N, C-alpha and C. Protein backbone atom coordinates (compact mmCIF):
# COMPACT_ATOMS: atom_id res chain seq x y z
N UNK A 1 149.63 49.67 14.50
CA UNK A 1 150.19 50.97 14.40
C UNK A 1 150.62 51.14 12.71
N UNK A 2 149.52 52.22 12.23
CA UNK A 2 149.91 52.38 11.07
C UNK A 2 151.42 53.60 10.33
N UNK A 3 150.77 53.74 9.28
CA UNK A 3 152.09 54.92 9.29
C UNK A 3 152.05 56.40 9.66
N UNK A 4 152.99 56.96 9.82
CA UNK A 4 152.60 58.49 10.52
C UNK A 4 152.93 59.33 8.96
N UNK A 5 151.91 60.08 8.92
CA UNK A 5 152.27 61.26 8.02
C UNK A 5 152.24 62.48 8.46
N UNK A 6 153.26 63.07 8.50
CA UNK A 6 154.02 64.38 8.96
C UNK A 6 153.97 65.46 8.07
N UNK A 7 153.03 66.59 7.87
CA UNK A 7 153.06 67.66 7.30
C UNK A 7 154.10 68.74 7.71
N UNK A 8 155.14 68.97 7.13
CA UNK A 8 155.51 70.52 7.51
C UNK A 8 155.88 71.21 6.17
N UNK A 9 156.29 72.48 6.81
CA UNK A 9 156.48 73.55 5.71
C UNK A 9 156.55 74.86 6.58
N UNK A 10 157.06 75.78 6.06
CA UNK A 10 157.12 77.38 6.44
C UNK A 10 155.60 77.59 6.84
N UNK A 11 155.56 79.01 7.53
CA UNK A 11 154.63 79.55 7.82
C UNK A 11 153.41 80.31 6.70
N UNK A 12 152.46 79.89 6.57
CA UNK A 12 151.45 80.04 6.01
C UNK A 12 151.69 79.46 4.22
N UNK A 13 152.47 78.16 3.87
CA UNK A 13 152.12 77.37 3.02
C UNK A 13 151.07 76.67 2.68
N UNK A 14 150.10 76.56 3.95
CA UNK A 14 148.55 76.04 3.78
C UNK A 14 148.43 74.66 4.85
N UNK A 15 149.44 74.41 5.25
CA UNK A 15 149.54 73.21 6.27
C UNK A 15 148.18 72.81 7.05
N UNK A 16 147.69 74.04 7.39
CA UNK A 16 146.23 73.78 8.29
C UNK A 16 145.27 73.08 7.16
N UNK A 17 145.39 73.97 6.40
CA UNK A 17 144.14 73.88 5.30
C UNK A 17 144.64 72.60 4.35
N UNK A 18 145.51 72.13 4.19
CA UNK A 18 146.01 70.73 3.57
C UNK A 18 145.37 69.60 4.25
N UNK A 19 145.82 69.93 5.71
CA UNK A 19 145.87 68.72 6.83
C UNK A 19 144.17 68.51 6.65
N UNK A 20 143.28 69.69 6.65
CA UNK A 20 141.83 69.27 7.00
C UNK A 20 141.44 68.81 5.77
N UNK A 21 141.67 69.29 4.45
CA UNK A 21 141.27 68.21 3.32
C UNK A 21 141.60 67.04 3.26
N UNK A 22 142.83 66.73 3.68
CA UNK A 22 143.40 65.43 3.86
C UNK A 22 142.18 64.32 4.59
N UNK A 23 142.10 65.47 6.00
CA UNK A 23 141.05 64.85 7.00
C UNK A 23 139.86 64.26 6.68
N UNK A 24 139.36 64.91 5.38
CA UNK A 24 138.01 64.72 4.91
C UNK A 24 137.90 63.90 3.76
N UNK A 25 139.37 63.78 3.32
CA UNK A 25 139.02 62.41 2.32
C UNK A 25 138.99 61.19 2.99
N UNK A 26 137.74 60.76 3.21
CA UNK A 26 137.79 58.99 3.82
C UNK A 26 138.24 58.11 3.39
N UNK A 27 138.39 58.27 1.64
CA UNK A 27 139.04 56.85 1.48
C UNK A 27 140.62 56.83 1.96
N UNK A 28 141.41 58.09 2.26
CA UNK A 28 142.41 57.81 2.96
C UNK A 28 142.45 56.82 4.15
N UNK A 29 141.24 57.18 5.14
CA UNK A 29 141.02 56.84 6.36
C UNK A 29 142.03 57.14 7.22
N UNK A 30 142.29 58.44 7.48
CA UNK A 30 143.72 58.84 8.37
C UNK A 30 142.72 59.20 9.68
N UNK A 31 143.49 58.93 10.56
CA UNK A 31 143.32 59.63 12.36
C UNK A 31 143.78 60.67 12.33
N UNK A 32 144.05 61.56 13.00
CA UNK A 32 144.93 62.29 13.70
C UNK A 32 145.59 62.73 15.25
N UNK A 33 146.28 63.08 15.27
CA UNK A 33 146.85 63.12 16.69
C UNK A 33 147.34 64.71 17.00
N UNK A 34 146.43 65.24 17.64
CA UNK A 34 146.48 66.76 18.36
C UNK A 34 147.63 66.86 19.01
N UNK A 35 148.63 67.67 18.65
CA UNK A 35 150.14 68.24 19.05
C UNK A 35 149.45 68.97 20.56
N UNK A 36 150.40 68.83 21.48
CA UNK A 36 150.50 69.93 22.75
C UNK A 36 151.16 71.37 22.71
N UNK A 37 151.24 72.41 23.23
CA UNK A 37 151.33 73.97 23.19
C UNK A 37 151.12 74.43 24.60
N UNK A 38 152.26 75.27 24.89
CA UNK A 38 151.74 76.24 26.21
C UNK A 38 151.60 77.49 25.36
N UNK A 39 151.16 77.84 24.43
CA UNK A 39 151.02 78.94 23.94
C UNK A 39 149.46 79.32 24.02
N UNK A 40 149.39 80.59 23.87
CA UNK A 40 147.83 81.09 24.11
C UNK A 40 147.26 80.38 22.98
N UNK A 41 145.45 80.21 23.06
CA UNK A 41 144.84 79.82 21.97
C UNK A 41 144.71 80.90 20.94
N UNK A 42 144.63 81.13 19.61
CA UNK A 42 144.18 82.19 18.72
C UNK A 42 142.95 82.40 18.43
N UNK A 43 142.43 82.82 17.98
CA UNK A 43 141.42 83.50 17.37
C UNK A 43 140.55 82.76 16.83
N UNK A 44 139.56 81.72 17.12
CA UNK A 44 138.76 80.68 15.63
C UNK A 44 139.49 79.07 16.36
N UNK A 45 140.80 79.19 17.36
CA UNK A 45 141.01 77.84 17.66
C UNK A 45 140.15 77.67 18.52
N UNK A 46 140.68 75.82 18.78
CA UNK A 46 139.28 75.14 19.80
C UNK A 46 140.11 74.32 20.14
N UNK A 47 140.11 73.95 21.79
CA UNK A 47 141.17 73.14 22.35
C UNK A 47 140.51 71.59 21.62
N UNK A 48 141.88 70.64 21.57
CA UNK A 48 141.53 69.42 21.12
C UNK A 48 141.57 69.73 19.62
N UNK A 49 141.42 70.38 18.91
CA UNK A 49 141.30 70.26 17.33
C UNK A 49 142.62 70.54 16.69
N UNK A 50 143.29 72.13 16.94
CA UNK A 50 144.24 72.51 16.39
C UNK A 50 145.32 71.67 17.33
N UNK A 51 145.32 72.08 18.85
CA UNK A 51 146.67 71.70 20.04
C UNK A 51 145.75 71.55 20.69
N UNK A 52 146.05 70.53 21.75
CA UNK A 52 146.06 70.81 23.13
C UNK A 52 146.83 71.97 23.75
N UNK A 53 145.79 72.71 24.50
CA UNK A 53 146.32 74.18 25.09
C UNK A 53 146.52 73.51 26.75
N UNK A 54 148.02 73.20 26.82
CA UNK A 54 148.19 73.42 28.10
C UNK A 54 149.22 74.33 28.71
N UNK A 55 149.01 74.04 30.10
CA UNK A 55 149.88 75.31 31.12
C UNK A 55 151.61 74.88 31.32
N UNK A 56 152.31 75.56 31.48
CA UNK A 56 153.64 75.37 32.10
C UNK A 56 154.05 74.31 32.54
N UNK A 57 153.22 73.98 33.83
CA UNK A 57 153.24 73.08 34.95
C UNK A 57 152.71 71.82 33.95
N UNK A 58 151.90 71.45 33.41
CA UNK A 58 150.98 70.71 32.80
C UNK A 58 152.25 69.93 31.92
N UNK A 59 152.58 70.63 31.28
CA UNK A 59 154.14 70.34 30.45
C UNK A 59 155.31 69.96 31.22
N UNK A 60 155.62 70.50 32.32
CA UNK A 60 156.51 69.75 33.10
C UNK A 60 156.53 68.52 33.84
N UNK A 61 155.00 68.26 33.97
CA UNK A 61 154.33 67.11 34.37
C UNK A 61 154.86 66.33 33.14
N UNK A 62 154.27 66.35 32.20
CA UNK A 62 155.00 65.32 30.85
C UNK A 62 156.07 65.12 30.75
N UNK A 63 156.96 66.18 31.02
CA UNK A 63 158.22 66.26 30.66
C UNK A 63 158.85 64.89 32.19
N UNK A 64 158.46 65.24 32.83
CA UNK A 64 159.03 64.23 34.29
C UNK A 64 158.71 63.61 34.10
N UNK A 65 157.41 62.79 33.99
CA UNK A 65 157.19 61.43 33.68
C UNK A 65 157.40 60.51 32.10
N UNK A 66 157.97 61.16 31.11
CA UNK A 66 158.82 60.89 30.31
C UNK A 66 157.90 60.76 29.08
N UNK A 67 156.78 61.21 28.90
CA UNK A 67 155.91 61.31 28.14
C UNK A 67 156.17 61.95 26.95
N UNK A 68 156.84 63.00 26.59
CA UNK A 68 157.18 63.68 25.35
C UNK A 68 158.28 63.08 24.75
N UNK A 69 157.38 62.78 23.36
CA UNK A 69 158.37 62.03 22.26
C UNK A 69 159.54 62.95 21.27
N UNK A 70 158.80 64.61 21.27
CA UNK A 70 159.62 65.59 20.54
C UNK A 70 158.98 66.72 21.12
N UNK A 71 159.98 67.75 21.07
CA UNK A 71 159.34 69.14 21.35
C UNK A 71 160.20 69.94 21.09
N UNK A 72 159.66 71.71 20.62
CA UNK A 72 160.32 72.59 20.08
C UNK A 72 160.22 73.71 20.94
N UNK A 73 160.99 74.84 21.45
CA UNK A 73 160.57 75.96 22.14
C UNK A 73 161.02 76.84 21.25
N UNK A 74 159.80 78.02 21.38
CA UNK A 74 160.29 79.18 20.58
C UNK A 74 160.26 80.57 21.37
N UNK A 75 161.13 81.01 21.58
CA UNK A 75 161.43 82.28 22.13
C UNK A 75 160.72 83.69 21.42
N UNK A 76 159.24 83.95 21.77
CA UNK A 76 158.46 84.43 21.03
C UNK A 76 158.47 86.21 21.43
N UNK A 77 157.87 86.74 21.04
CA UNK A 77 157.65 88.43 21.26
C UNK A 77 156.93 88.13 22.86
N UNK A 78 155.91 86.75 23.16
CA UNK A 78 155.10 87.59 24.27
C UNK A 78 155.90 85.84 25.11
N UNK A 79 156.82 85.66 25.07
CA UNK A 79 157.60 84.54 26.28
C UNK A 79 158.00 83.20 25.40
N UNK A 80 158.36 82.44 26.04
CA UNK A 80 158.37 80.95 25.41
C UNK A 80 157.42 80.22 25.67
N UNK A 81 157.34 79.80 24.08
CA UNK A 81 156.32 78.99 23.95
C UNK A 81 156.62 77.19 23.34
N UNK A 82 155.58 76.28 24.11
CA UNK A 82 156.39 75.07 23.48
C UNK A 82 155.52 74.25 22.79
N UNK A 83 156.08 73.46 22.21
CA UNK A 83 155.11 72.83 21.10
C UNK A 83 155.76 71.32 21.27
N UNK A 84 154.91 70.37 21.58
CA UNK A 84 155.43 68.94 21.68
C UNK A 84 154.19 67.72 21.39
N UNK A 85 155.15 66.75 21.49
CA UNK A 85 154.36 65.63 20.81
C UNK A 85 153.93 64.49 22.13
N UNK A 86 153.05 64.44 22.77
CA UNK A 86 153.16 63.32 24.04
C UNK A 86 152.65 61.88 23.61
N UNK A 87 153.09 60.90 24.24
CA UNK A 87 153.01 59.48 24.27
C UNK A 87 151.74 59.31 25.33
N UNK A 88 150.39 59.84 24.44
CA UNK A 88 149.29 59.83 25.27
C UNK A 88 148.38 58.31 24.80
N UNK A 89 148.77 57.55 24.04
CA UNK A 89 147.83 56.73 23.81
C UNK A 89 147.13 56.91 22.01
N UNK A 90 147.26 57.84 21.67
CA UNK A 90 146.46 58.36 20.54
C UNK A 90 147.05 57.43 19.28
N UNK A 91 148.80 57.16 19.51
CA UNK A 91 148.74 56.52 18.22
C UNK A 91 148.50 54.62 18.54
N UNK A 92 147.88 54.28 19.60
CA UNK A 92 147.72 52.93 19.62
C UNK A 92 146.38 52.46 18.81
N UNK A 93 146.59 52.60 17.69
CA UNK A 93 145.72 51.94 16.71
C UNK A 93 146.00 51.35 15.45
N UNK A 94 145.22 51.02 14.32
CA UNK A 94 145.81 50.55 13.49
C UNK A 94 145.56 51.78 11.92
N UNK A 95 145.06 52.53 11.92
CA UNK A 95 144.94 53.82 11.36
C UNK A 95 146.47 54.40 11.03
N UNK A 96 146.34 55.08 9.72
CA UNK A 96 147.36 55.64 9.18
C UNK A 96 147.16 57.06 10.25
N UNK A 97 148.26 58.16 10.63
CA UNK A 97 148.01 59.07 11.61
C UNK A 97 148.76 60.25 10.39
N UNK A 98 147.55 61.54 10.77
CA UNK A 98 148.12 62.92 9.82
C UNK A 98 148.62 63.66 10.91
N UNK A 99 149.45 64.43 11.15
CA UNK A 99 150.16 65.47 11.85
C UNK A 99 150.81 66.44 11.25
N UNK A 100 150.91 67.68 11.80
CA UNK A 100 151.53 68.58 11.45
C UNK A 100 152.91 68.88 12.54
N UNK A 101 154.01 69.25 11.72
CA UNK A 101 155.28 69.47 12.82
C UNK A 101 156.28 70.43 11.82
N UNK A 102 157.24 70.01 12.28
CA UNK A 102 158.71 70.51 11.76
C UNK A 102 159.54 69.85 11.38
N UNK A 103 160.96 70.34 10.84
CA UNK A 103 161.99 69.37 10.71
C UNK A 103 162.33 68.65 11.87
N UNK A 104 162.72 69.60 12.91
CA UNK A 104 162.93 69.08 14.22
C UNK A 104 162.31 67.74 14.69
N UNK A 105 160.66 68.20 14.42
CA UNK A 105 159.48 66.96 15.31
C UNK A 105 159.74 65.75 14.03
N UNK A 106 159.88 65.91 12.93
CA UNK A 106 159.91 65.03 12.01
C UNK A 106 161.07 64.13 12.51
N UNK A 107 162.24 64.77 12.72
CA UNK A 107 163.28 63.76 12.80
C UNK A 107 163.25 62.76 14.22
N UNK A 108 162.91 63.66 15.23
CA UNK A 108 162.55 63.07 16.59
C UNK A 108 161.25 62.12 16.91
N UNK A 109 160.42 62.18 15.88
CA UNK A 109 159.20 61.11 15.63
C UNK A 109 159.69 59.91 14.88
N UNK A 110 160.37 60.18 13.85
CA UNK A 110 161.12 58.88 13.15
C UNK A 110 162.26 58.12 13.83
N UNK A 111 162.87 59.03 14.73
CA UNK A 111 163.75 58.18 15.67
C UNK A 111 162.97 57.45 16.65
N UNK A 112 161.83 58.00 16.87
CA UNK A 112 161.06 57.04 18.12
C UNK A 112 160.46 56.27 17.45
N UNK A 113 159.67 56.41 16.47
CA UNK A 113 158.74 55.44 15.72
C UNK A 113 159.77 54.56 14.87
N UNK A 114 160.59 54.63 14.22
CA UNK A 114 161.31 54.20 13.22
C UNK A 114 161.09 55.07 11.57
N UNK A 115 162.25 54.85 10.80
CA UNK A 115 161.87 55.40 9.75
C UNK A 115 161.11 54.66 8.85
N UNK A 116 160.68 53.58 9.02
CA UNK A 116 160.05 53.17 7.93
C UNK A 116 158.50 53.37 8.07
N UNK A 117 158.23 53.99 9.37
CA UNK A 117 156.68 54.41 9.94
C UNK A 117 156.31 55.72 9.82
N UNK A 118 157.60 56.76 9.73
CA UNK A 118 157.31 58.10 9.79
C UNK A 118 157.60 58.61 8.14
N UNK A 119 156.46 59.46 7.51
CA UNK A 119 156.70 60.03 6.24
C UNK A 119 156.22 61.57 5.91
N UNK A 120 157.19 62.25 5.67
CA UNK A 120 157.33 63.31 5.63
C UNK A 120 156.20 64.22 4.44
N UNK A 121 155.54 64.99 4.72
CA UNK A 121 154.82 65.66 3.62
C UNK A 121 155.31 67.13 3.58
N UNK A 122 156.11 67.70 2.61
CA UNK A 122 156.50 68.89 2.98
C UNK A 122 156.16 69.78 2.07
N UNK A 123 155.49 70.85 2.37
CA UNK A 123 154.60 71.90 1.75
C UNK A 123 155.42 72.76 1.50
N UNK A 124 155.42 73.45 0.34
CA UNK A 124 156.13 74.80 0.14
C UNK A 124 155.71 75.78 -1.04
N UNK A 125 156.14 76.84 -1.02
CA UNK A 125 155.19 77.98 -1.94
C UNK A 125 156.26 79.15 -1.97
N UNK A 126 155.96 80.08 -2.67
CA UNK A 126 157.38 81.07 -2.77
C UNK A 126 156.94 82.05 -1.87
N UNK A 127 157.95 82.82 -1.28
CA UNK A 127 157.81 83.56 -0.44
C UNK A 127 156.94 84.96 -0.51
N UNK A 128 156.41 85.25 -1.40
CA UNK A 128 155.51 86.42 -1.83
C UNK A 128 153.94 85.93 -1.45
N UNK A 129 153.57 84.42 -1.87
CA UNK A 129 152.73 83.98 -1.88
C UNK A 129 152.37 84.03 0.02
N UNK A 130 153.37 83.30 0.74
CA UNK A 130 153.19 83.08 1.83
C UNK A 130 153.10 84.38 2.33
N UNK A 131 153.83 85.65 2.19
CA UNK A 131 153.90 87.07 3.03
C UNK A 131 152.38 87.15 2.68
N UNK A 132 151.62 87.32 1.67
CA UNK A 132 150.26 87.90 1.48
C UNK A 132 149.74 86.76 2.21
N UNK A 133 149.64 85.52 2.05
CA UNK A 133 148.65 84.81 2.86
C UNK A 133 149.00 85.12 4.70
N UNK A 134 150.06 85.19 5.29
CA UNK A 134 150.20 85.71 6.44
C UNK A 134 149.26 87.01 6.83
N UNK A 135 149.66 87.52 5.96
CA UNK A 135 149.20 89.03 6.28
C UNK A 135 147.36 89.33 6.75
N UNK A 136 146.89 88.44 5.51
CA UNK A 136 145.89 88.37 5.26
C UNK A 136 145.06 87.61 6.65
N UNK A 137 146.00 86.69 6.91
CA UNK A 137 145.49 85.99 8.36
C UNK A 137 145.19 86.45 9.41
N UNK A 138 146.74 87.69 9.68
CA UNK A 138 146.75 88.64 10.65
C UNK A 138 145.39 89.40 10.76
N UNK A 139 145.12 90.03 9.55
CA UNK A 139 144.33 90.90 9.29
C UNK A 139 142.58 90.57 10.06
N UNK A 140 142.34 89.09 9.82
CA UNK A 140 141.21 88.84 10.26
C UNK A 140 141.13 88.58 11.78
N UNK A 141 142.52 88.79 12.42
CA UNK A 141 142.59 88.36 14.09
C UNK A 141 141.72 89.42 14.38
N UNK A 142 141.22 89.08 15.79
CA UNK A 142 140.45 90.20 16.57
C UNK A 142 141.89 91.52 17.12
N UNK A 143 142.95 91.39 17.63
CA UNK A 143 144.33 91.84 17.62
C UNK A 143 145.34 91.00 16.82
N UNK A 144 145.62 91.80 15.28
CA UNK A 144 146.79 90.87 14.77
C UNK A 144 148.14 91.02 15.39
N UNK A 145 148.83 90.19 15.14
CA UNK A 145 150.18 90.25 15.77
C UNK A 145 151.23 90.07 14.97
N UNK A 146 151.41 91.36 14.11
CA UNK A 146 152.25 91.64 12.77
C UNK A 146 153.97 91.02 13.34
N UNK A 147 154.21 91.49 14.32
CA UNK A 147 155.29 91.43 14.76
C UNK A 147 155.90 90.07 15.11
N UNK A 148 155.00 89.65 15.71
CA UNK A 148 155.36 87.75 15.81
C UNK A 148 155.28 86.91 14.54
N UNK A 149 154.22 87.86 13.72
CA UNK A 149 154.08 87.05 12.23
C UNK A 149 155.56 87.28 11.37
N UNK A 150 155.90 88.30 11.70
CA UNK A 150 157.32 88.74 11.38
C UNK A 150 158.36 88.17 11.32
N UNK A 151 158.01 87.88 12.75
CA UNK A 151 159.50 86.69 13.66
C UNK A 151 159.13 85.29 13.14
N UNK A 152 158.00 84.56 12.76
CA UNK A 152 158.01 83.66 12.37
C UNK A 152 158.51 83.24 10.95
N UNK A 153 157.83 84.64 10.07
CA UNK A 153 158.44 84.68 8.42
C UNK A 153 159.90 84.66 8.33
N UNK A 154 160.50 84.99 9.20
CA UNK A 154 162.11 85.25 9.24
C UNK A 154 162.56 83.97 9.61
N UNK A 155 162.27 83.30 10.89
CA UNK A 155 162.73 82.34 11.53
C UNK A 155 162.71 80.99 10.58
N UNK A 156 161.81 80.91 9.71
CA UNK A 156 161.34 79.83 9.09
C UNK A 156 162.22 79.52 7.76
N UNK A 157 163.11 81.11 7.53
CA UNK A 157 164.40 80.83 6.47
C UNK A 157 165.66 79.93 6.73
N UNK A 158 165.60 79.96 8.05
CA UNK A 158 166.51 79.18 8.63
C UNK A 158 165.94 77.46 8.96
N UNK A 159 164.86 77.85 10.10
CA UNK A 159 164.40 76.51 10.02
C UNK A 159 163.93 75.35 9.01
N UNK A 160 164.04 76.17 8.00
CA UNK A 160 163.11 75.24 6.58
C UNK A 160 163.98 75.64 5.69
N UNK A 161 165.68 75.66 6.00
CA UNK A 161 166.24 75.85 4.96
C UNK A 161 166.83 74.58 4.06
N UNK A 162 167.05 74.77 2.91
CA UNK A 162 167.73 73.64 1.78
C UNK A 162 168.35 72.74 2.53
N UNK A 163 169.04 73.10 3.19
CA UNK A 163 170.43 72.30 3.75
C UNK A 163 170.12 71.39 4.88
N UNK A 164 169.05 71.72 5.69
CA UNK A 164 167.79 71.48 6.97
C UNK A 164 167.18 70.51 6.31
N UNK A 165 166.75 70.83 5.21
CA UNK A 165 165.65 69.83 4.21
C UNK A 165 166.40 68.47 3.87
N UNK A 166 167.29 68.98 3.11
CA UNK A 166 168.14 67.57 2.72
C UNK A 166 168.79 66.98 3.81
N UNK A 167 169.59 67.20 4.83
CA UNK A 167 170.03 66.51 5.72
C UNK A 167 168.91 65.76 6.44
N UNK A 168 167.78 65.81 6.61
CA UNK A 168 166.62 65.26 7.15
C UNK A 168 166.30 64.21 6.51
N UNK A 169 166.63 64.08 5.00
CA UNK A 169 166.62 63.32 4.08
C UNK A 169 164.74 63.24 3.21
N UNK A 170 164.73 64.46 3.23
CA UNK A 170 163.05 64.84 2.90
C UNK A 170 163.52 65.55 1.45
N UNK A 171 162.92 64.64 0.36
CA UNK A 171 163.62 64.78 -0.60
C UNK A 171 162.42 65.26 -1.86
N UNK A 172 160.89 65.06 -1.13
CA UNK A 172 159.94 65.48 -2.00
C UNK A 172 159.08 66.79 -1.46
N UNK A 173 158.89 67.48 -2.53
CA UNK A 173 158.18 68.72 -1.84
C UNK A 173 156.64 68.70 -2.48
N UNK A 174 155.66 69.32 -2.23
CA UNK A 174 154.44 69.73 -2.56
C UNK A 174 154.04 70.93 -2.61
N UNK A 175 154.03 71.65 -3.80
CA UNK A 175 153.62 72.88 -4.08
C UNK A 175 152.73 73.77 -3.95
N UNK A 176 152.31 74.32 -3.09
CA UNK A 176 150.96 74.83 -2.91
C UNK A 176 150.43 75.99 -3.44
N UNK A 177 150.81 76.01 -5.14
CA UNK A 177 150.38 76.94 -5.50
C UNK A 177 148.82 77.05 -6.16
N UNK A 178 147.98 75.74 -6.20
CA UNK A 178 146.65 75.55 -6.49
C UNK A 178 146.56 74.48 -5.12
N UNK A 179 145.68 74.90 -4.52
CA UNK A 179 145.16 73.81 -3.35
C UNK A 179 144.79 72.84 -3.76
N UNK A 180 143.83 72.65 -4.56
CA UNK A 180 143.05 71.55 -5.03
C UNK A 180 143.89 70.51 -5.45
N UNK A 181 145.08 70.71 -6.22
CA UNK A 181 146.13 70.34 -7.25
C UNK A 181 146.90 69.78 -6.23
N UNK A 182 147.33 70.28 -5.13
CA UNK A 182 148.30 70.18 -4.15
C UNK A 182 147.81 68.82 -3.23
N UNK A 183 146.24 69.53 -3.00
CA UNK A 183 146.04 68.13 -2.03
C UNK A 183 145.80 66.63 -2.67
N UNK A 184 145.74 66.73 -4.32
CA UNK A 184 145.19 65.63 -4.70
C UNK A 184 146.77 64.70 -5.20
N UNK A 185 147.74 65.24 -5.12
CA UNK A 185 148.89 64.68 -5.22
C UNK A 185 149.50 64.60 -3.83
N UNK A 186 149.06 65.04 -2.81
CA UNK A 186 149.62 64.16 -1.73
C UNK A 186 148.63 62.80 -1.34
N UNK A 187 147.50 63.11 -1.30
CA UNK A 187 146.78 61.95 -1.28
C UNK A 187 147.03 60.95 -2.07
N UNK A 188 147.74 61.27 -3.27
CA UNK A 188 148.30 59.97 -4.44
C UNK A 188 149.49 59.40 -3.20
N UNK A 189 150.35 60.19 -2.57
CA UNK A 189 151.25 59.91 -2.29
C UNK A 189 150.92 58.85 -0.81
N UNK A 190 150.34 59.33 -0.35
CA UNK A 190 149.59 58.84 1.08
C UNK A 190 149.32 57.37 0.47
N UNK A 191 148.56 57.25 -0.49
CA UNK A 191 147.83 55.96 -1.34
C UNK A 191 149.26 54.75 -1.29
N UNK A 192 150.08 55.47 -1.95
CA UNK A 192 151.02 54.92 -2.72
C UNK A 192 152.13 54.31 -1.84
N UNK A 193 151.91 54.74 -0.18
CA UNK A 193 152.98 54.56 0.63
C UNK A 193 152.70 53.55 1.44
């Protein structure tokens, strides 16, 4: 197994865009791991690309069989949504793996695979930029969920507080004010790791 590079950051920092740009870089030779969720698929998402979308029953089956490496549960305005990583054989290759997660998922995956195998890539930008990006993204949806967008935005203050980032041992931040520059810095980091 190669290294696991885990992209994390607050909502609307550009994690998905950076993720896709890094995967396009053939010189990095990155595989991807697709996480699982019980939340509904959003406009433009595709099964097996952003997530494996599954039922609560399937989630419980994975849990019962000891296949869940890490999990997070969010009490949203639409009910409980589970996000989780499953030991489904996707890590059984020699390539480095690129994932998206949270501070909690980073800690759990690091504890599961070992600190030398998991490298955090914390993406950050100022709150004003994040808010404009979030609103712009919601406006493009068939049925914008502004209330849920606001809940995520506020929750990120606690979930990604400086104290939590520091306690997790995450010391490097990649500022995404300029996408190309941010992706270039992260690609260099991956090559050096």
